[in-house]
Amino acid sequence: MRKLVALLIVSSTFGLAGCVTPRSDLERAVVGAAIGCAAGEVLVNGHCVEGAIVGAGVGVLTN
């Protein structure tokens, strides 16, 4: 049951991230951190903080 809830959260996060058009590095960092947190929670079994750090870094570095 926990995996199903986490999967629903991840899929909704990715869906909402597709609608966001970030205009600044800060906005890209926030979106990247949200996606990274969701991915870290599901893929690495509860490593939301590490995923958020990596996601924020990738969000800032990509354009």
C-alpha atoms as a PDB file:
ATOM      1  CA  MET A   1       0.000   0.000   0.000  1.00  0.00           C
ATOM      2  CA  ARG A   2       2.841   2.387   0.815  1.00  0.00           C
ATOM      3  CA  LYS A   3       4.399   1.834  -2.625  1.00  0.00           C
ATOM      4  CA  LEU A   4       1.076   2.606  -4.309  1.00  0.00           C
ATOM      5  CA  VAL A   5       0.722   5.921  -2.474  1.00  0.00           C
ATOM      6  CA  ALA A   6       4.329   6.828  -3.245  1.00  0.00           C
ATOM      7  CA  LEU A   7       3.841   5.945  -6.903  1.00  0.00           C
ATOM      8  CA  LEU A   8       0.745   8.146  -7.070  1.00  0.00           C
ATOM      9  CA  ILE A   9       2.674  11.022  -5.523  1.00  0.00           C
ATOM     10  CA  VAL A  10       5.536  10.625  -7.965  1.00  0.00           C
ATOM     11  CA  SER A  11       3.280  10.427 -10.999  1.00  0.00           C
ATOM     12  CA  SER A  12       1.333  13.507  -9.952  1.00  0.00           C
ATOM     13  CA  THR A  13       4.578  15.390  -9.267  1.00  0.00           C
ATOM     14  CA  PHE A  14       5.917  14.577 -12.713  1.00  0.00           C
ATOM     15  CA  GLY A  15       2.599  15.535 -14.251  1.00  0.00           C
ATOM     16  CA  LEU A  16       2.502  18.893 -12.514  1.00  0.00           C
ATOM     17  CA  ALA A  17       6.156  19.563 -13.279  1.00  0.00           C
ATOM     18  CA  GLY A  18       5.331  19.316 -16.972  1.00  0.00           C
ATOM     19  CA  CYS A  19       2.924  22.241 -16.594  1.00  0.00           C
ATOM     20  CA  VAL A  20       5.415  24.513 -14.882  1.00  0.00           C
ATOM     21  CA  THR A  21       7.483  26.856 -17.034  1.00  0.00           C
ATOM     22  CA  PRO A  22      10.177  28.093 -14.658  1.00  0.00           C
ATOM     23  CA  ARG A  23      11.604  31.473 -15.489  1.00  0.00           C
ATOM     24  CA  SER A  24      14.422  31.699 -12.976  1.00  0.00           C
ATOM     25  CA  ASP A  25      17.072  29.462 -11.469  1.00  0.00           C
ATOM     26  CA  LEU A  26      15.252  29.475  -8.130  1.00  0.00           C
ATOM     27  CA  GLU A  27      12.041  28.188  -9.677  1.00  0.00           C
ATOM     28  CA  ARG A  28      13.966  25.461 -11.533  1.00  0.00           C
ATOM     29  CA  ALA A  29      15.675  24.501  -8.274  1.00  0.00           C
ATOM     30  CA  VAL A  30      12.347  24.189  -6.451  1.00  0.00           C
ATOM     31  CA  VAL A  31      10.792  22.071  -9.200  1.00  0.00           C
ATOM     32  CA  GLY A  32      13.928  19.911  -9.386  1.00  0.00           C
ATOM     33  CA  ALA A  33      13.952  19.453  -5.619  1.00  0.00           C
ATOM     34  CA  ALA A  34      10.301  18.376  -5.605  1.00  0.00           C
ATOM     35  CA  ILE A  35      10.858  15.844  -8.364  1.00  0.00           C
ATOM     36  CA  GLY A  36      14.110  14.647  -6.781  1.00  0.00           C
ATOM     37  CA  CYS A  37      12.434  14.186  -3.414  1.00  0.00           C
ATOM     38  CA  ALA A  38       9.647  12.127  -4.936  1.00  0.00           C
ATOM     39  CA  ALA A  39      12.095  10.035  -6.944  1.00  0.00           C
ATOM     40  CA  GLY A  40      14.352   9.492  -3.942  1.00  0.00           C
ATOM     41  CA  GLU A  41      11.410   8.431  -1.837  1.00  0.00           C
ATOM     42  CA  VAL A  42      10.261   5.808  -4.312  1.00  0.00           C
ATOM     43  CA  LEU A  43      13.428   4.635  -6.035  1.00  0.00           C
ATOM     44  CA  VAL A  44      15.834   4.608  -3.087  1.00  0.00           C
ATOM     45  CA  ASN A  45      13.349   3.748  -0.308  1.00  0.00           C
ATOM     46  CA  GLY A  46      13.018   6.879   1.774  1.00  0.00           C
ATOM     47  CA  HIS A  47      15.919   9.083   0.692  1.00  0.00           C
ATOM     48  CA  CYS A  48      13.899  12.208   0.016  1.00  0.00           C
ATOM     49  CA  VAL A  49      16.510  14.712   1.196  1.00  0.00           C
ATOM     50  CA  GLU A  50      19.293  13.287  -0.955  1.00  0.00           C
ATOM     51  CA  GLY A  51      16.993  13.202  -3.965  1.00  0.00           C
ATOM     52  CA  ALA A  52      15.924  16.806  -3.338  1.00  0.00           C
ATOM     53  CA  ILE A  53      19.540  17.978  -3.188  1.00  0.00           C
ATOM     54  CA  VAL A  54      20.427  16.247  -6.439  1.00  0.00           C
ATOM     55  CA  GLY A  55      17.193  17.403  -8.093  1.00  0.00           C
ATOM     56  CA  ALA A  56      17.760  21.025  -7.069  1.00  0.00           C
ATOM     57  CA  GLY A  57      21.306  20.901  -8.416  1.00  0.00           C
ATOM     58  CA  VAL A  58      20.165  19.485 -11.722  1.00  0.00           C
ATOM     59  CA  GLY A  59      17.368  22.038 -11.896  1.00  0.00           C
ATOM     60  CA  VAL A  60      19.768  24.926 -11.479  1.00  0.00           C
ATOM     61  CA  LEU A  61      22.363  23.591 -13.909  1.00  0.00           C
ATOM     62  CA  THR A  62      19.969  22.781 -16.738  1.00  0.00           C
ATOM     63  CA  ASN A  63      18.360  25.433 -18.851  1.00  0.00           C
END
